[in-house]
C-alpha atoms as a PDB file:
ATOM      1  CA  MET A   1     -48.610 -20.212  17.462  1.00  0.00           C
ATOM      2  CA  LEU A   2     -50.133 -16.772  16.930  1.00  0.00           C
ATOM      3  CA  LEU A   3     -49.726 -14.631  13.827  1.00  0.00           C
ATOM      4  CA  LEU A   4     -49.165 -10.956  14.407  1.00  0.00           C
ATOM      5  CA  ASP A   5     -51.528  -8.282  13.196  1.00  0.00           C
ATOM      6  CA  ASN A   6     -50.279  -4.710  12.962  1.00  0.00           C
ATOM      7  CA  SER A   7     -52.991  -3.569  15.389  1.00  0.00           C
ATOM      8  CA  ALA A   8     -51.223  -5.634  18.068  1.00  0.00           C
ATOM      9  CA  TRP A   9     -47.638  -5.074  16.936  1.00  0.00           C
ATOM     10  CA  ALA A  10     -47.984  -1.279  16.947  1.00  0.00           C
ATOM     11  CA  ARG A  11     -49.183  -1.384  20.552  1.00  0.00           C
ATOM     12  CA  ILE A  12     -46.463  -3.835  21.556  1.00  0.00           C
ATOM     13  CA  VAL A  13     -43.669  -1.618  20.223  1.00  0.00           C
ATOM     14  CA  MET A  14     -45.287   1.482  21.782  1.00  0.00           C
ATOM     15  CA  ASN A  15     -45.112  -0.277  25.186  1.00  0.00           C
ATOM     16  CA  ALA A  16     -48.878   0.172  25.579  1.00  0.00           C
ATOM     17  CA  LEU A  17     -49.351  -3.066  27.541  1.00  0.00           C
ATOM     18  CA  ASP A  18     -49.498  -3.581  31.268  1.00  0.00           C
ATOM     19  CA  ASP A  19     -46.545  -5.463  32.749  1.00  0.00           C
ATOM     20  CA  GLU A  20     -48.364  -8.811  32.948  1.00  0.00           C
ATOM     21  CA  ARG A  21     -49.483  -8.812  29.306  1.00  0.00           C
ATOM     22  CA  ALA A  22     -46.109  -7.501  28.118  1.00  0.00           C
ATOM     23  CA  ALA A  23     -44.436 -10.423  29.917  1.00  0.00           C
ATOM     24  CA  ALA A  24     -46.879 -12.892  28.319  1.00  0.00           C
ATOM     25  CA  VAL A  25     -46.117 -11.499  24.847  1.00  0.00           C
ATOM     26  CA  GLY A  26     -42.409 -11.647  25.640  1.00  0.00           C
ATOM     27  CA  ASP A  27     -42.825 -15.326  26.536  1.00  0.00           C
ATOM     28  CA  LEU A  28     -44.540 -15.978  23.186  1.00  0.00           C
ATOM     29  CA  ILE A  29     -41.642 -14.326  21.377  1.00  0.00           C
ATOM     30  CA  GLU A  30     -39.050 -16.230  23.384  1.00  0.00           C
ATOM     31  CA  ARG A  31     -40.743 -19.566  22.605  1.00  0.00           C
ATOM     32  CA  ASP A  32     -40.999 -18.714  18.861  1.00  0.00           C
ATOM     33  CA  GLU A  33     -44.800 -18.857  19.155  1.00  0.00           C
ATOM     34  CA  LEU A  34     -45.392 -15.409  17.660  1.00  0.00           C
ATOM     35  CA  ALA A  35     -45.091 -15.435  13.879  1.00  0.00           C
ATOM     36  CA  THR A  36     -45.410 -13.173  10.861  1.00  0.00           C
ATOM     37  CA  CYS A  37     -46.742 -13.500   7.336  1.00  0.00           C
ATOM     38  CA  LEU A  38     -46.291 -11.354   4.243  1.00  0.00           C
ATOM     39  CA  PRO A  39     -49.530  -9.350   4.600  1.00  0.00           C
ATOM     40  CA  PHE A  40     -48.533  -8.330   8.135  1.00  0.00           C
ATOM     41  CA  LEU A  41     -44.975  -7.503   7.052  1.00  0.00           C
ATOM     42  CA  LEU A  42     -46.243  -5.237   4.285  1.00  0.00           C
ATOM     43  CA  GLU A  43     -48.580  -3.481   6.683  1.00  0.00           C
ATOM     44  CA  ALA A  44     -45.830  -3.061   9.289  1.00  0.00           C
ATOM     45  CA  GLY A  45     -43.459  -1.743   6.626  1.00  0.00           C
ATOM     46  CA  TYR A  46     -46.058   0.749   5.440  1.00  0.00           C
ATOM     47  CA  SER A  47     -45.803   2.496   8.809  1.00  0.00           C
ATOM     48  CA  ALA A  48     -42.035   3.082   8.455  1.00  0.00           C
ATOM     49  CA  ARG A  49     -40.960   6.717   8.498  1.00  0.00           C
ATOM     50  CA  SER A  50     -37.907   6.254   6.265  1.00  0.00           C
ATOM     51  CA  ALA A  51     -35.840   3.657   4.450  1.00  0.00           C
ATOM     52  CA  THR A  52     -33.656   3.305   7.540  1.00  0.00           C
ATOM     53  CA  HIS A  53     -36.687   2.808   9.768  1.00  0.00           C
ATOM     54  CA  LEU A  54     -38.099   0.212   7.345  1.00  0.00           C
ATOM     55  CA  LYS A  55     -34.821  -1.711   7.491  1.00  0.00           C
ATOM     56  CA  GLU A  56     -34.901  -1.624  11.307  1.00  0.00           C
ATOM     57  CA  ILE A  57     -38.495  -2.887  11.381  1.00  0.00           C
ATOM     58  CA  MET A  58     -37.815  -5.699   8.908  1.00  0.00           C
ATOM     59  CA  ASP A  59     -34.555  -6.709  10.604  1.00  0.00           C
ATOM     60  CA  ASP A  60     -36.493  -7.120  13.873  1.00  0.00           C
ATOM     61  CA  LEU A  61     -39.383  -8.987  12.238  1.00  0.00           C
ATOM     62  CA  ASP A  62     -37.066 -11.290  10.261  1.00  0.00           C
ATOM     63  CA  LEU A  63     -36.254 -12.934  13.609  1.00  0.00           C
ATOM     64  CA  PHE A  64     -39.818 -14.255  13.924  1.00  0.00           C
ATOM     65  CA  PRO A  65     -41.057 -17.501  12.390  1.00  0.00           C
ATOM     66  CA  ARG A  66     -42.936 -16.861   9.135  1.00  0.00           C
ATOM     67  CA  VAL A  67     -46.045 -18.451   7.660  1.00  0.00           C
ATOM     68  CA  ARG A  68     -45.936 -18.460   3.868  1.00  0.00           C
ATOM     69  CA  ILE A  69     -48.759 -17.633   1.497  1.00  0.00           C
ATOM     70  CA  THR A  70     -49.712 -20.704  -0.499  1.00  0.00           C
ATOM     71  CA  ASN A  71     -52.302 -21.365  -3.176  1.00  0.00           C
ATOM     72  CA  LYS A  72     -54.558 -22.712  -0.424  1.00  0.00           C
ATOM     73  CA  VAL A  73     -54.211 -19.465   1.539  1.00  0.00           C
ATOM     74  CA  GLU A  74     -55.141 -17.458  -1.553  1.00  0.00           C
ATOM     75  CA  LYS A  75     -58.192 -19.611  -2.244  1.00  0.00           C
ATOM     76  CA  ARG A  76     -59.310 -19.498   1.388  1.00  0.00           C
ATOM     77  CA  ALA A  77     -58.997 -15.702   1.486  1.00  0.00           C
ATOM     78  CA  ALA A  78     -61.050 -15.263  -1.700  1.00  0.00           C
ATOM     79  CA  GLN A  79     -63.684 -17.672  -0.359  1.00  0.00           C
ATOM     80  CA  ALA A  80     -63.762 -15.881   2.995  1.00  0.00           C
ATOM     81  CA  GLN A  81     -64.426 -12.558   1.262  1.00  0.00           C
ATOM     82  CA  ARG A  82     -67.356 -14.153  -0.590  1.00  0.00           C
ATOM     83  CA  GLU A  83     -68.676 -15.537   2.690  1.00  0.00           C
ATOM     84  CA  LEU A  84     -68.366 -12.104   4.300  1.00  0.00           C
ATOM     85  CA  ALA A  85     -70.226 -10.481   1.403  1.00  0.00           C
ATOM     86  CA  ALA A  86     -73.085 -12.935   1.871  1.00  0.00           C
ATOM     87  CA  VAL A  87     -73.609 -11.594   5.415  1.00  0.00           C
ATOM     88  CA  GLY A  88     -72.895  -7.927   4.676  1.00  0.00           C
ATOM     89  CA  HIS A  89     -69.267  -7.721   5.813  1.00  0.00           C
ATOM     90  CA  HIS A  90     -67.375  -7.726   2.485  1.00  0.00           C
ATOM     91  CA  ARG A  91     -65.574  -4.457   3.318  1.00  0.00           C
ATOM     92  CA  LEU A  92     -63.225  -5.917   5.937  1.00  0.00           C
ATOM     93  CA  ALA A  93     -59.582  -5.032   5.370  1.00  0.00           C
ATOM     94  CA  PRO A  94     -58.039  -7.385   2.772  1.00  0.00           C
ATOM     95  CA  ILE A  95     -54.871  -7.646   4.895  1.00  0.00           C
ATOM     96  CA  ASP A  96     -56.941  -9.006   7.794  1.00  0.00           C
ATOM     97  CA  VAL A  97     -58.617 -11.563   5.518  1.00  0.00           C
ATOM     98  CA  MET A  98     -55.189 -12.710   4.291  1.00  0.00           C
ATOM     99  CA  ILE A  99     -53.714 -12.937   7.803  1.00  0.00           C
ATOM    100  CA  ALA A 100     -56.723 -14.953   8.997  1.00  0.00           C
ATOM    101  CA  SER A 101     -56.357 -17.240   5.970  1.00  0.00           C
ATOM    102  CA  CYS A 102     -52.668 -17.757   6.760  1.00  0.00           C
ATOM    103  CA  ALA A 103     -53.587 -18.561  10.366  1.00  0.00           C
ATOM    104  CA  HIS A 104     -56.236 -21.045   9.259  1.00  0.00           C
ATOM    105  CA  GLU A 105     -53.837 -22.919   6.968  1.00  0.00           C
ATOM    106  CA  ALA A 106     -51.064 -22.913   9.588  1.00  0.00           C
ATOM    107  CA  GLY A 107     -53.369 -24.059  12.388  1.00  0.00           C
ATOM    108  CA  ALA A 108     -52.488 -20.848  14.220  1.00  0.00           C
ATOM    109  CA  GLY A 109     -54.321 -17.999  15.890  1.00  0.00           C
ATOM    110  CA  VAL A 110     -54.072 -14.251  15.347  1.00  0.00           C
ATOM    111  CA  LEU A 111     -52.898 -11.783  18.000  1.00  0.00           C
ATOM    112  CA  HIS A 112     -54.691  -8.501  17.339  1.00  0.00           C
ATOM    113  CA  TYR A 113     -56.516  -5.462  18.658  1.00  0.00           C
ATOM    114  CA  ASP A 114     -59.102  -5.372  15.870  1.00  0.00           C
ATOM    115  CA  SER A 115     -62.708  -6.612  15.794  1.00  0.00           C
ATOM    116  CA  ASP A 116     -62.309  -7.724  12.149  1.00  0.00           C
ATOM    117  CA  TYR A 117     -60.843 -11.013  13.371  1.00  0.00           C
ATOM    118  CA  ASP A 118     -63.894 -11.826  15.474  1.00  0.00           C
ATOM    119  CA  ILE A 119     -66.066 -11.179  12.408  1.00  0.00           C
ATOM    120  CA  LEU A 120     -63.837 -13.418  10.288  1.00  0.00           C
ATOM    121  CA  ALA A 121     -63.909 -16.198  12.882  1.00  0.00           C
ATOM    122  CA  THR A 122     -67.685 -15.967  13.208  1.00  0.00           C
ATOM    123  CA  HIS A 123     -68.853 -15.430   9.632  1.00  0.00           C
ATOM    124  CA  THR A 124     -66.429 -17.470   7.513  1.00  0.00           C
ATOM    125  CA  ASN A 125     -65.202 -21.039   7.310  1.00  0.00           C
ATOM    126  CA  LEU A 126     -61.764 -19.894   8.466  1.00  0.00           C
ATOM    127  CA  ARG A 127     -60.863 -21.660  11.692  1.00  0.00           C
ATOM    128  CA  PHE A 128     -58.340 -19.836  13.835  1.00  0.00           C
ATOM    129  CA  HIS A 129     -58.170 -18.534  17.385  1.00  0.00           C
ATOM    130  CA  SER A 130     -58.934 -14.809  17.558  1.00  0.00           C
ATOM    131  CA  GLU A 131     -56.836 -13.519  20.477  1.00  0.00           C
ATOM    132  CA  TRP A 132     -57.179  -9.922  21.559  1.00  0.00           C
ATOM    133  CA  LEU A 133     -53.943  -8.301  22.747  1.00  0.00           C
ATOM    134  CA  ALA A 134     -56.049  -6.631  25.445  1.00  0.00           C
ATOM    135  CA  PRO A 135     -59.787  -6.284  25.907  1.00  0.00           C
ATOM    136  CA  ALA A 136     -61.391  -4.100  23.236  1.00  0.00           C
ATOM    137  CA  GLY A 137     -61.373  -0.415  24.119  1.00  0.00           C
ATOM    138  CA  THR A 138     -58.723  -0.674  26.834  1.00  0.00           C
ATOM    139  CA  LEU A 139     -55.643   0.433  24.878  1.00  0.00           C
END
């Protein structure tokens, strides 16, 4: 399972992927292997242009499996931020830290187009697969 990050989702809905990658993402969706979590949903909703658009976005995303935020996720996220601070990376987006923490607790990866996840996977005790939607700099 892969959790969505808005950096990937925005490019998916803009049809920015080549046909092969778009088909692979479609397969993930069809197999219920692409999931959401509250931090991602809030970030996706933030990009809505109106109340109607927000409803459309959330109606679509409600069809995906969801990973819940638990006390363990909260503790892992706070610990990860401390670990990042110790190596000079404490200013990573809090949403990304939360999504990575959700992925860790769920035994999932994160589908993204954002180098923050590589930093989180390298410099914290969070264990998740950091999967780029496409190679960095290509979209």
